[in-house]
Protein backbone atom coordinates (compact mmCIF):
# COMPACT_ATOMS: atom_id res chain seq x y z
CA MET A 1 32.18 15.06 -4.76
CA ASN A 2 33.76 11.98 -3.18
CA ARG A 3 33.44 11.66 0.58
CA SER A 4 35.13 9.20 2.89
CA LEU A 5 33.15 6.31 4.36
CA ARG A 6 33.52 7.90 7.79
CA THR A 7 32.05 11.18 6.57
CA ARG A 8 29.17 9.40 4.84
CA LEU A 9 28.36 7.40 7.97
CA LEU A 10 28.52 10.46 10.20
CA LEU A 11 26.42 12.53 7.82
CA GLY A 12 23.88 9.76 7.34
CA ILE A 13 23.49 8.93 11.02
CA GLY A 14 23.69 12.60 12.06
CA VAL A 15 21.06 13.78 9.60
CA THR A 16 18.77 10.85 10.39
CA THR A 17 19.10 11.45 14.13
CA ALA A 18 18.58 15.21 13.73
CA VAL A 19 15.43 14.63 11.68
CA ALA A 20 14.15 12.14 14.26
CA PHE A 21 14.87 14.59 17.10
CA LEU A 22 13.25 17.41 15.14
CA LEU A 23 10.09 15.41 14.51
CA THR A 24 9.98 14.44 18.17
CA ALA A 25 10.43 18.09 19.16
CA VAL A 26 7.66 19.22 16.80
CA ILE A 27 5.28 16.59 18.16
CA LEU A 28 6.22 17.48 21.74
CA TYR A 29 5.81 21.19 21.02
CA MET A 30 2.38 20.65 19.47
CA GLN A 31 1.25 18.52 22.42
CA MET A 32 2.56 21.08 24.92
CA SER A 33 0.93 23.89 22.97
CA ARG A 34 -2.42 22.09 22.98
CA GLY A 35 -2.04 21.31 26.68
CA LEU A 36 -1.22 24.89 27.64
CA LEU A 37 -4.05 26.26 25.53
CA ALA A 38 -6.50 23.72 26.98
CA GLU A 39 -5.41 24.63 30.51
CA PHE A 40 -5.72 28.34 29.70
CA ASP A 41 -9.19 27.83 28.22
CA GLU A 42 -10.29 25.81 31.22
CA LYS A 43 -9.24 28.59 33.60
CA LEU A 44 -10.94 31.20 31.43
CA ALA A 45 -14.13 29.11 31.25
CA ALA A 46 -14.08 28.55 35.02
CA LYS A 47 -13.84 32.30 35.54
CA ALA A 48 -16.76 32.88 33.17
CA ARG A 49 -18.89 30.27 34.97
CA ALA A 50 -17.98 31.82 38.33
CA LEU A 51 -19.16 35.24 37.12
CA ALA A 52 -22.32 33.71 35.61
CA VAL A 53 -23.32 32.36 39.04
CA MET A 54 -23.41 35.94 40.32
CA VAL A 55 -25.91 37.07 37.68
CA GLU A 56 -29.59 36.76 38.74
CA GLN A 57 -32.95 38.05 37.64
CA ASP A 58 -35.33 39.90 39.93
CA GLY A 59 -38.55 40.36 38.01
CA ASP A 60 -37.58 42.17 34.84
CA GLN A 61 -34.37 43.43 36.36
CA ILE A 62 -30.95 41.76 35.94
CA LEU A 63 -28.83 41.94 39.06
CA ILE A 64 -25.05 41.67 38.56
CA GLU A 65 -23.71 40.77 41.96
CA PHE A 66 -20.01 40.68 41.04
CA GLN A 67 -20.03 44.40 40.26
CA LYS A 68 -20.35 44.99 44.00
CA TYR A 69 -16.90 43.54 44.54
CA ARG A 70 -13.58 44.97 43.46
CA MET A 71 -12.04 42.11 41.50
CA GLN A 72 -8.35 42.87 41.20
CA GLU A 73 -7.75 41.12 37.88
CA PHE A 74 -10.33 43.32 36.14
CA ALA A 75 -9.47 46.57 37.97
CA ARG A 76 -5.67 46.72 37.82
CA ASN A 77 -3.94 49.20 35.55
CA ILE A 78 -1.26 46.80 34.34
CA ARG A 79 -2.28 43.84 32.17
CA PRO A 80 -5.92 43.81 33.25
CA GLU A 81 -8.46 41.17 32.26
CA TYR A 82 -11.83 42.07 30.79
CA TYR A 83 -15.47 41.03 30.90
CA GLN A 84 -18.62 42.23 29.18
CA LEU A 85 -22.29 41.26 29.67
CA TRP A 86 -25.11 41.60 27.13
CA MET A 87 -28.82 40.98 27.06
CA GLY A 88 -29.63 40.87 23.40
CA ASP A 89 -27.80 43.85 21.95
CA GLU A 90 -27.94 45.80 25.19
CA VAL A 91 -24.68 45.98 27.15
CA LEU A 92 -25.53 45.30 30.78
CA ALA A 93 -22.02 45.58 32.21
CA ARG A 94 -18.38 45.89 31.27
CA SER A 95 -15.15 45.83 33.22
CA ARG A 96 -13.71 49.14 34.33
CA ARG A 97 -10.62 48.95 32.12
CA LEU A 98 -12.69 48.09 29.06
CA GLU A 99 -14.05 51.65 29.08
CA THR A 100 -15.91 52.23 25.79
CA GLY A 101 -14.41 49.28 23.90
CA ASP A 102 -16.27 46.06 23.19
CA LEU A 103 -15.21 42.46 23.37
CA PRO A 104 -16.25 40.07 20.58
CA LYS A 105 -19.72 38.71 21.34
CA ILE A 106 -19.44 34.92 21.13
CA GLY A 107 -21.84 32.19 22.14
CA GLY A 108 -21.51 28.99 24.07
CA VAL A 109 -23.03 27.19 27.02
CA LEU A 110 -21.90 26.69 30.58
CA ASN A 111 -20.50 23.21 29.88
CA ALA A 112 -19.01 24.15 26.49
CA PRO A 113 -18.03 27.81 26.27
CA GLY A 114 -17.04 29.33 22.97
CA PHE A 115 -13.45 30.52 22.51
CA VAL A 116 -11.85 32.95 20.09
CA ASP A 117 -8.45 34.63 19.75
CA THR A 118 -8.54 38.42 19.60
CA ASP A 119 -6.58 41.57 20.26
CA LEU A 120 -7.43 43.10 23.63
CA PRO A 121 -8.44 46.77 23.80
CA ASP A 122 -4.92 47.76 24.88
CA GLY A 123 -3.38 45.91 21.90
CA ARG A 124 -2.20 42.79 23.68
CA PRO A 125 -2.94 39.41 22.09
CA GLY A 126 -5.64 37.66 24.03
CA ARG A 127 -8.33 35.02 24.08
CA CYS A 128 -12.03 35.26 24.91
CA ALA A 129 -14.45 32.75 26.43
CA GLY A 130 -18.18 33.36 25.95
CA ILE A 131 -21.30 31.70 27.40
CA GLN A 132 -25.04 32.28 27.03
CA PHE A 133 -27.24 31.42 30.04
CA LEU A 134 -30.49 32.20 31.84
CA PRO A 135 -29.92 34.19 35.02
CA HIS A 136 -31.19 32.38 38.11
CA VAL A 137 -33.86 33.68 40.44
CA GLU A 138 -32.81 33.90 44.03
CA GLU A 139 -35.98 32.38 45.66
CA GLU A 140 -36.02 29.43 43.22
CA LEU A 141 -33.66 26.92 44.70
CA LEU A 142 -33.60 23.43 43.35
CA GLN A 143 -33.40 21.78 46.75
CA ASP A 144 -36.63 23.29 48.19
CA SER A 145 -38.75 24.32 45.21
CA PRO A 146 -42.43 24.60 46.33
CA THR A 147 -43.57 23.95 42.81
CA SER A 148 -41.74 20.66 42.67
CA LYS A 149 -43.22 19.60 46.00
CA SER A 150 -46.83 20.55 45.13
CA GLN A 151 -46.64 18.88 41.75
CA GLY A 152 -44.99 15.73 43.06
CA HIS A 153 -41.71 16.17 41.15
CA ASP A 154 -38.49 14.91 42.60
CA ALA A 155 -36.42 17.50 44.38
CA GLY A 156 -34.03 19.18 41.98
CA SER A 157 -36.13 18.61 38.84
CA VAL A 158 -35.52 21.37 36.29
CA ASP A 159 -39.00 20.79 34.85
CA SER A 160 -40.54 22.36 37.99
CA PHE A 161 -39.28 25.89 37.18
CA ASP A 162 -40.95 28.49 35.00
CA PHE A 163 -38.48 29.99 32.48
CA SER A 164 -41.01 31.78 30.31
CA ASN A 165 -40.23 35.28 31.62
CA ARG A 166 -36.46 34.91 31.56
CA ARG A 167 -34.11 36.18 28.85
CA LYS A 168 -30.71 34.86 27.97
CA VAL A 169 -27.66 36.94 28.70
CA THR A 170 -24.22 36.64 27.11
CA LEU A 171 -21.06 36.87 29.18
CA VAL A 172 -17.59 37.15 27.61
CA VAL A 173 -14.38 37.06 29.62
CA ALA A 174 -11.02 37.92 28.03
CA SER A 175 -7.44 37.51 29.17
CA GLU A 176 -4.05 37.97 27.56
CA THR A 177 -2.20 34.97 26.08
CA ALA A 178 1.29 36.37 26.65
CA PRO A 179 2.09 33.75 29.34
CA ILE A 180 1.33 30.99 26.86
CA ALA A 181 3.45 32.69 24.21
CA ARG A 182 6.34 33.08 26.67
CA ALA A 183 6.03 29.47 27.81
CA LEU A 184 5.99 28.22 24.20
CA SER A 185 8.93 30.48 23.33
CA ASP A 186 10.88 29.10 26.30
CA LEU A 187 9.90 25.61 25.20
CA LYS A 188 11.22 26.29 21.68
CA TRP A 189 14.55 27.47 23.04
CA LEU A 190 14.74 24.53 25.42
CA LEU A 191 13.96 22.03 22.68
CA GLY A 192 16.43 23.72 20.34
CA ILE A 193 19.19 23.63 22.95
CA VAL A 194 18.41 20.02 23.88
CA ILE A 195 18.30 18.88 20.25
CA GLY A 196 21.42 20.82 19.28
CA GLY A 197 23.32 19.57 22.30
CA SER A 198 22.12 16.01 21.84
CA VAL A 199 23.06 15.96 18.15
CA THR A 200 26.46 17.48 18.95
CA VAL A 201 27.14 14.94 21.68
CA LEU A 202 25.85 12.13 19.46
CA ILE A 203 28.05 13.19 16.51
CA SER A 204 31.06 13.35 18.84
CA ILE A 205 30.35 9.86 20.16
CA LEU A 206 29.65 8.59 16.66
CA TRP A 207 32.90 10.08 15.38
CA PHE A 208 34.81 8.10 17.96
CA VAL A 209 32.77 4.91 17.46
CA VAL A 210 32.98 5.10 13.65
CA ALA A 211 36.72 5.85 13.80
CA GLU A 212 37.27 2.81 16.00
CA GLY A 213 34.96 0.69 13.84
CA LEU A 214 36.79 1.66 10.64
CA ARG A 215 40.25 1.18 12.11
CA PRO A 216 40.48 -2.44 10.79
CA LEU A 217 39.56 -1.10 7.36
CA SER A 218 42.32 1.49 7.60
CA ARG A 219 44.82 -1.19 8.62
CA LEU A 220 43.66 -3.29 5.69
CA ALA A 221 44.17 -0.34 3.34
CA GLU A 222 47.68 0.16 4.74
CA GLU A 223 48.51 -3.52 4.18
CA ILE A 224 47.18 -3.33 0.61
CA ALA A 225 49.25 -0.21 -0.05
CA SER A 226 52.40 -2.00 1.14
CA ILE A 227 52.02 -4.86 -1.38
CA ASP A 228 54.37 -4.86 -4.38
CA GLU A 229 55.58 -7.45 -6.88
CA GLN A 230 58.11 -8.72 -4.34
CA SER A 231 55.50 -9.46 -1.65
CA LEU A 232 52.71 -11.13 -3.59
CA SER A 233 53.01 -14.20 -1.35
CA LEU A 234 51.74 -12.21 1.65
CA ARG A 235 48.16 -12.72 2.78
CA PHE A 236 45.94 -10.31 4.70
CA GLU A 237 45.03 -11.12 8.27
CA ILE A 238 43.42 -8.37 10.39
CA ARG A 239 43.01 -9.22 14.04
CA ASP A 240 39.64 -8.35 15.62
CA ALA A 241 38.25 -7.56 12.17
CA PRO A 242 34.45 -7.23 12.17
CA THR A 243 32.40 -9.99 10.60
CA GLU A 244 31.53 -7.79 7.62
CA LEU A 245 35.22 -7.58 6.68
CA HIS A 246 35.83 -11.32 6.66
CA PRO A 247 34.39 -11.91 3.14
CA ILE A 248 36.40 -8.94 1.82
CA ILE A 249 39.63 -10.25 3.38
CA GLU A 250 38.95 -13.74 2.01
CA ARG A 251 38.26 -12.39 -1.49
CA LEU A 252 41.41 -10.23 -1.31
CA ASN A 253 43.49 -13.23 -0.31
CA GLU A 254 42.01 -15.20 -3.19
CA LEU A 255 42.79 -12.30 -5.51
CA MET A 256 46.36 -12.14 -4.19
CA ALA A 257 46.74 -15.87 -4.83
CA ARG A 258 45.53 -15.41 -8.42
CA ILE A 259 47.79 -12.41 -8.96
CA GLU A 260 50.75 -14.30 -7.54
CA GLN A 261 49.97 -17.24 -9.81
CA ALA A 262 49.60 -14.90 -12.78
CA PHE A 263 53.02 -13.36 -12.07
CA LEU A 264 54.53 -16.81 -11.73
CA TRP A 265 52.90 -17.85 -15.00
CA GLU A 266 54.16 -14.70 -16.67
CA LYS A 267 57.71 -15.35 -15.52
CA ALA A 268 57.50 -19.00 -16.51
CA PHE A 269 55.89 -18.06 -19.83
CA THR A 270 58.65 -15.56 -20.60
CA GLY A 271 61.30 -18.11 -19.76
CA ASP A 272 59.56 -20.85 -21.73
CA VAL A 273 59.11 -18.69 -24.83
CA ALA A 274 62.73 -17.59 -24.66
CA HIS A 275 63.82 -21.20 -24.30
CA GLU A 276 61.59 -22.44 -27.12
CA LEU A 277 62.70 -19.67 -29.47
CA ARG A 278 66.36 -20.07 -28.60
CA THR A 279 66.43 -23.69 -29.78
CA PRO A 280 65.12 -23.13 -33.36
CA LEU A 281 67.21 -19.96 -33.67
CA ALA A 282 70.27 -21.91 -32.56
CA GLY A 283 69.34 -24.64 -35.04
CA LEU A 284 69.05 -22.09 -37.87
CA HIS A 285 72.33 -20.48 -36.88
CA THR A 286 74.15 -23.82 -36.68
CA THR A 287 72.71 -25.12 -39.98
CA LEU A 288 73.62 -21.94 -41.83
CA GLU A 289 77.03 -21.73 -40.18
CA VAL A 290 77.87 -25.30 -41.23
CA ALA A 291 76.64 -24.63 -44.77
CA LEU A 292 78.84 -21.55 -45.07
CA ARG A 293 82.06 -23.12 -43.86
CA ARG A 294 82.96 -24.36 -47.34
CA PRO A 295 81.52 -24.36 -50.84
CA ARG A 296 78.97 -27.11 -51.38
CA ASP A 297 77.05 -28.68 -54.22
CA LEU A 298 73.56 -27.52 -55.08
CA PRO A 299 71.80 -30.59 -53.55
CA GLU A 300 73.56 -29.90 -50.23
CA TYR A 301 72.40 -26.26 -50.28
CA VAL A 302 68.86 -27.43 -51.09
CA GLU A 303 68.96 -29.84 -48.16
CA THR A 304 70.22 -27.09 -45.86
CA LEU A 305 67.45 -24.74 -46.96
CA GLN A 306 64.87 -27.46 -46.45
CA ASP A 307 66.14 -27.99 -42.89
CA CYS A 308 65.90 -24.26 -42.29
CA GLN A 309 62.39 -24.22 -43.72
CA THR A 310 61.33 -27.06 -41.39
CA ILE A 311 62.69 -25.16 -38.37
CA CYS A 312 60.86 -21.99 -39.50
CA GLU A 313 57.60 -23.91 -39.96
CA ASP A 314 57.85 -25.39 -36.47
CA THR A 315 58.54 -21.95 -35.02
CA GLN A 316 55.66 -20.48 -36.99
CA ARG A 317 53.30 -23.17 -35.66
CA MET A 318 54.35 -22.34 -32.12
CA ALA A 319 53.71 -18.61 -32.71
CA GLU A 320 50.31 -19.32 -34.26
CA THR A 321 49.40 -21.53 -31.33
CA LEU A 322 50.36 -18.78 -28.91
CA LEU A 323 48.28 -16.30 -30.89
CA SER A 324 45.31 -18.68 -30.80
CA LEU A 325 45.63 -19.04 -27.03
CA ALA A 326 45.85 -15.26 -26.66
CA ARG A 327 42.71 -14.71 -28.76
CA ILE A 328 40.74 -17.28 -26.77
CA GLU A 329 41.84 -15.87 -23.42
CA SER A 330 41.02 -12.29 -24.52
CA GLY A 331 37.54 -13.31 -25.69
CA GLU A 332 38.21 -12.45 -29.34
CA ALA A 333 37.70 -16.00 -30.61
CA ALA A 334 34.21 -16.37 -32.13
CA ILE A 335 32.25 -19.60 -32.50
CA GLU A 336 30.91 -20.40 -35.97
CA GLU A 337 28.48 -23.14 -35.04
CA ASP A 338 27.35 -25.72 -37.55
CA PHE A 339 26.34 -29.42 -37.72
CA PHE A 340 29.01 -31.84 -38.92
CA ASP A 341 29.65 -35.57 -38.96
CA VAL A 342 32.14 -36.44 -36.21
CA ARG A 343 33.62 -39.46 -38.02
CA VAL A 344 34.12 -37.56 -41.29
CA LEU A 345 35.82 -34.66 -39.50
CA ALA A 346 38.03 -37.06 -37.52
CA GLU A 347 39.18 -38.81 -40.73
CA LYS A 348 40.11 -35.46 -42.28
CA ALA A 349 42.04 -34.49 -39.15
CA TRP A 350 43.85 -37.85 -39.15
CA ALA A 351 44.94 -37.73 -42.82
CA PRO A 352 48.12 -35.60 -42.28
CA PHE A 353 49.41 -38.07 -39.64
CA ARG A 354 48.70 -41.34 -41.49
CA GLU A 355 52.11 -41.44 -43.15
CA LYS A 356 53.99 -40.58 -39.96
CA ALA A 357 52.12 -43.31 -38.07
CA ALA A 358 53.13 -45.81 -40.76
CA GLU A 359 56.75 -44.70 -40.59
CA ARG A 360 56.77 -45.40 -36.83
CA ASN A 361 55.06 -48.77 -37.32
CA LEU A 362 52.10 -47.77 -35.17
CA LYS A 363 48.97 -49.89 -35.14
CA VAL A 364 45.97 -47.61 -35.41
CA LYS A 365 42.54 -48.75 -34.20
CA TRP A 366 39.62 -46.65 -35.36
CA TYR A 367 36.16 -46.97 -33.78
CA PHE A 368 34.33 -43.73 -34.57
CA GLU A 369 30.56 -44.14 -34.90
CA THR A 370 28.85 -43.27 -38.14
CA GLY A 371 25.93 -40.88 -38.46
CA VAL A 372 26.69 -38.84 -35.30
CA LEU A 373 26.23 -35.13 -35.89
CA LEU A 374 27.79 -32.60 -33.55
CA SER A 375 26.62 -28.97 -33.21
CA SER A 376 29.83 -26.99 -32.74
CA ASP A 377 32.54 -25.11 -34.61
CA PRO A 378 34.04 -27.68 -37.06
CA ALA A 379 37.22 -25.69 -37.74
CA LYS A 380 38.12 -25.29 -34.06
CA PHE A 381 37.19 -28.88 -33.24
CA ARG A 382 39.41 -30.08 -36.07
CA VAL A 383 42.30 -28.17 -34.45
CA VAL A 384 41.60 -30.08 -31.22
CA LEU A 385 41.61 -33.47 -32.98
CA SER A 386 44.72 -32.59 -35.01
CA ASN A 387 46.65 -31.72 -31.86
CA LEU A 388 45.53 -34.93 -30.14
CA PHE A 389 46.47 -37.07 -33.16
CA ASP A 390 49.83 -35.28 -33.51
CA ASN A 391 50.54 -35.78 -29.81
CA ALA A 392 49.53 -39.48 -29.94
CA VAL A 393 51.61 -40.29 -33.05
CA SER A 394 54.63 -38.31 -31.81
CA TYR A 395 54.82 -39.73 -28.27
CA ALA A 396 53.68 -43.33 -28.84
CA ARG A 397 56.44 -45.91 -28.50
CA GLU A 398 57.99 -47.08 -31.78
CA GLY A 399 55.91 -50.05 -32.96
CA GLY A 400 53.17 -49.24 -30.42
CA SER A 401 49.57 -48.34 -31.06
CA VAL A 402 47.16 -45.40 -31.31
CA HIS A 403 43.44 -45.83 -30.58
CA ALA A 404 40.80 -43.23 -31.50
CA GLY A 405 37.03 -43.45 -31.41
CA SER A 406 33.71 -42.15 -30.16
CA MET A 407 30.64 -43.42 -28.33
CA THR A 408 27.27 -41.79 -27.77
CA ALA A 409 25.38 -42.31 -24.53
CA SER A 410 22.38 -40.80 -22.80
CA ASP A 411 24.53 -38.06 -21.28
CA GLY A 412 26.29 -37.03 -24.51
CA LEU A 413 29.22 -37.83 -26.77
CA VAL A 414 32.55 -39.26 -25.60
CA ILE A 415 35.67 -39.20 -27.82
CA GLU A 416 38.92 -40.89 -26.77
CA VAL A 417 42.40 -40.70 -28.28
CA SER A 418 45.09 -42.87 -26.65
CA SER A 419 48.68 -43.93 -27.34
CA SER A 420 50.83 -46.68 -25.88
CA GLY A 421 54.01 -46.35 -23.86
CA CYS A 422 52.95 -43.77 -21.28
CA ASP A 423 55.31 -43.45 -18.31
CA LEU A 424 53.74 -40.32 -16.79
CA SER A 425 52.89 -40.33 -13.09
CA GLU A 426 49.60 -39.05 -11.66
CA ASP A 427 51.23 -35.72 -10.76
CA GLN A 428 52.63 -35.36 -14.25
CA ILE A 429 49.27 -36.20 -15.84
CA GLY A 430 47.82 -33.20 -14.00
CA ASN A 431 50.29 -30.86 -15.77
CA VAL A 432 49.83 -31.97 -19.38
CA PHE A 433 47.39 -29.13 -20.15
CA GLU A 434 49.78 -26.44 -18.90
CA ARG A 435 51.43 -24.47 -21.65
CA PHE A 436 55.09 -25.30 -22.39
CA TRP A 437 54.98 -28.29 -20.03
CA ARG A 438 56.65 -31.48 -21.20
CA ALA A 439 57.75 -34.60 -19.37
CA ASP A 440 61.13 -34.07 -21.05
CA SER A 441 62.29 -31.38 -18.62
CA ALA A 442 65.58 -31.05 -20.51
CA ARG A 443 63.57 -30.19 -23.68
CA SER A 444 65.86 -32.35 -25.76
CA GLU A 445 63.10 -32.81 -28.33
CA THR A 446 62.26 -29.13 -28.67
CA GLY A 447 61.27 -28.17 -32.15
CA ALA A 448 58.50 -30.47 -33.22
CA HIS A 449 56.55 -29.95 -29.98
CA ALA A 450 56.63 -26.92 -27.71
CA GLY A 451 54.18 -28.15 -25.10
CA LEU A 452 51.34 -25.93 -26.36
CA GLY A 453 49.06 -28.40 -28.16
CA LEU A 454 47.17 -29.75 -25.15
CA ALA A 455 46.95 -26.28 -23.59
CA LEU A 456 45.28 -25.06 -26.77
CA CYS A 457 42.98 -28.10 -26.75
CA ARG A 458 41.75 -27.31 -23.24
CA LYS A 459 41.04 -23.67 -24.12
CA LEU A 460 39.22 -24.65 -27.32
CA MET A 461 37.11 -27.31 -25.58
CA THR A 462 36.01 -24.79 -22.96
CA LEU A 463 35.11 -22.41 -25.78
CA LEU A 464 33.17 -25.14 -27.61
CA GLY A 465 31.15 -26.08 -24.52
CA GLY A 466 32.81 -29.45 -23.87
CA THR A 467 35.38 -30.88 -21.46
CA ILE A 468 38.75 -32.57 -21.86
CA GLU A 469 40.77 -34.66 -19.42
CA ALA A 470 43.81 -36.90 -19.47
CA SER A 471 44.65 -40.15 -17.68
CA ASN A 472 47.18 -43.00 -17.63
CA TRP A 473 45.39 -46.30 -18.09
CA GLU A 474 47.53 -49.43 -18.26
CA LYS A 475 50.55 -47.57 -19.66
CA ARG A 476 48.40 -45.78 -22.21
CA PHE A 477 48.08 -42.01 -22.35
CA VAL A 478 44.32 -41.43 -22.78
CA VAL A 479 42.71 -38.08 -23.61
CA THR A 480 38.91 -38.04 -23.19
CA ILE A 481 36.62 -35.41 -24.74
CA ARG A 482 32.99 -35.02 -23.74
CA PHE A 483 30.13 -33.03 -25.25
CA PRO A 484 26.69 -32.70 -23.64
CA SER A 485 23.71 -34.43 -25.23
CA SER A 486 22.22 -31.04 -26.17
CA GLN A 487 24.90 -30.72 -28.88
CA ILE A 488 24.44 -34.23 -30.33
CA VAL A 489 22.19 -35.48 -33.10
CA ASP A 490 22.46 -39.27 -33.42
CA ALA A 491 21.30 -40.40 -36.85
CA ASN A 492 21.28 -44.00 -35.57
CA SER A 493 18.52 -43.02 -33.07
CA SER A 494 19.91 -45.20 -30.28
CA ASN A 495 20.62 -44.14 -26.73
CA GLU A 496 23.93 -46.00 -26.60
CA SER A 497 26.00 -47.68 -29.30
CA PHE A 498 29.29 -49.51 -29.68
CA VAL A 499 31.51 -49.79 -32.74
CA VAL A 500 33.90 -52.69 -33.31
CA PRO A 501 37.45 -51.29 -33.65
CA THR A 502 39.06 -51.49 -37.07
CA GLU A 503 42.63 -51.00 -38.09
CA ILE A 504 43.37 -48.24 -40.59
């Protein structure tokens, strides 16, 4: 069951506070209960010691002085207290209301009486305090004992008395514990009311505090809900937002920027694809329309079909490039890693463009190192080199030059492909890896190049674990590829090497 953040906070804080209050109440109740019981026991023990003082021995006879007095607490008809006195198993005295019943006979001493819970003779719950002691003899007073004086003992010395003819008596005093029970019951109700009221007040305050604290979050949710495809340029800004919300707002604004850029790319991509497809379709339509205007000889029809085939091949290459980009971006492109010779692979990738370079009178300088093995996907890397060679041969000035080569260093492998006659500015250089971008904004040369080659190269190099960048150096368009040293095996076993350029 999904609960709101407010409900979760209130439940969490409320339950935690209630448990804390409950534990505090239990501890307080236990301490109060011990305190009340200790106070009750102390009063009961004091009463037993007071009665014990009034028990004395006269020869073989035990005199119980307190029986001469009418003690109200033991004589009353309602809620009386009880006492009972034994010598051995012989009952010497009992309170009037005890009648024929007996209290539990428990031991203890004057300083540490024994206590036990019991049911009083009339059925009330009660508690007993019992002590065992030697009755005192009236003429033997500690302060003026003749024995202590004649024997040289200090006044008050217990060793001066003769206890041989005395017998211990047991005195038990009992009283009801109903006052303690009532006090503890009242304490339970008081603690319950205090805890319940405190939790209720706390939850009420928390509800208000949490509601106010979550108000920025609610405003943020409202702003998010108001965003549509027409307002992607908006950014979230919540005044007085708590510190914890700042990272969320920043991440949301970054996400909005990426979404806006993605929508812009999608619109541009749709327009670019439509534009790129319109040109070859228009070329096909025009070529076929011209061919059908009048009857022609077979060679003319063959030439027309060849033109149509060239347009279809260019369009097919563009579609395949788009599919390759889509596979890479969706994570479906797999790497089939293997070791291969960089120079050998570069020569194979260059072979299809050798004739075209000769037709355009381009001077080609080749300075790839020999014996350098690269651990990567040879098929995908060949696609990268083919696109770079195609781009260099196609955009180099007529009669210009194309340079291609590699160099190993301590930090890895560097491959450069450059062509002469570059008029791109620094801003334009930064766009060369964007799909469908071309310096020819009018797209007058659409057909052979759709502006996808370098975009595919960047995606493939990221997939292969390398980097690619472009620059304009002395009117030359230079594309630089780098692979880390972990992917390089140099058969020449040198940290850095240089190859003299050769023309091919």
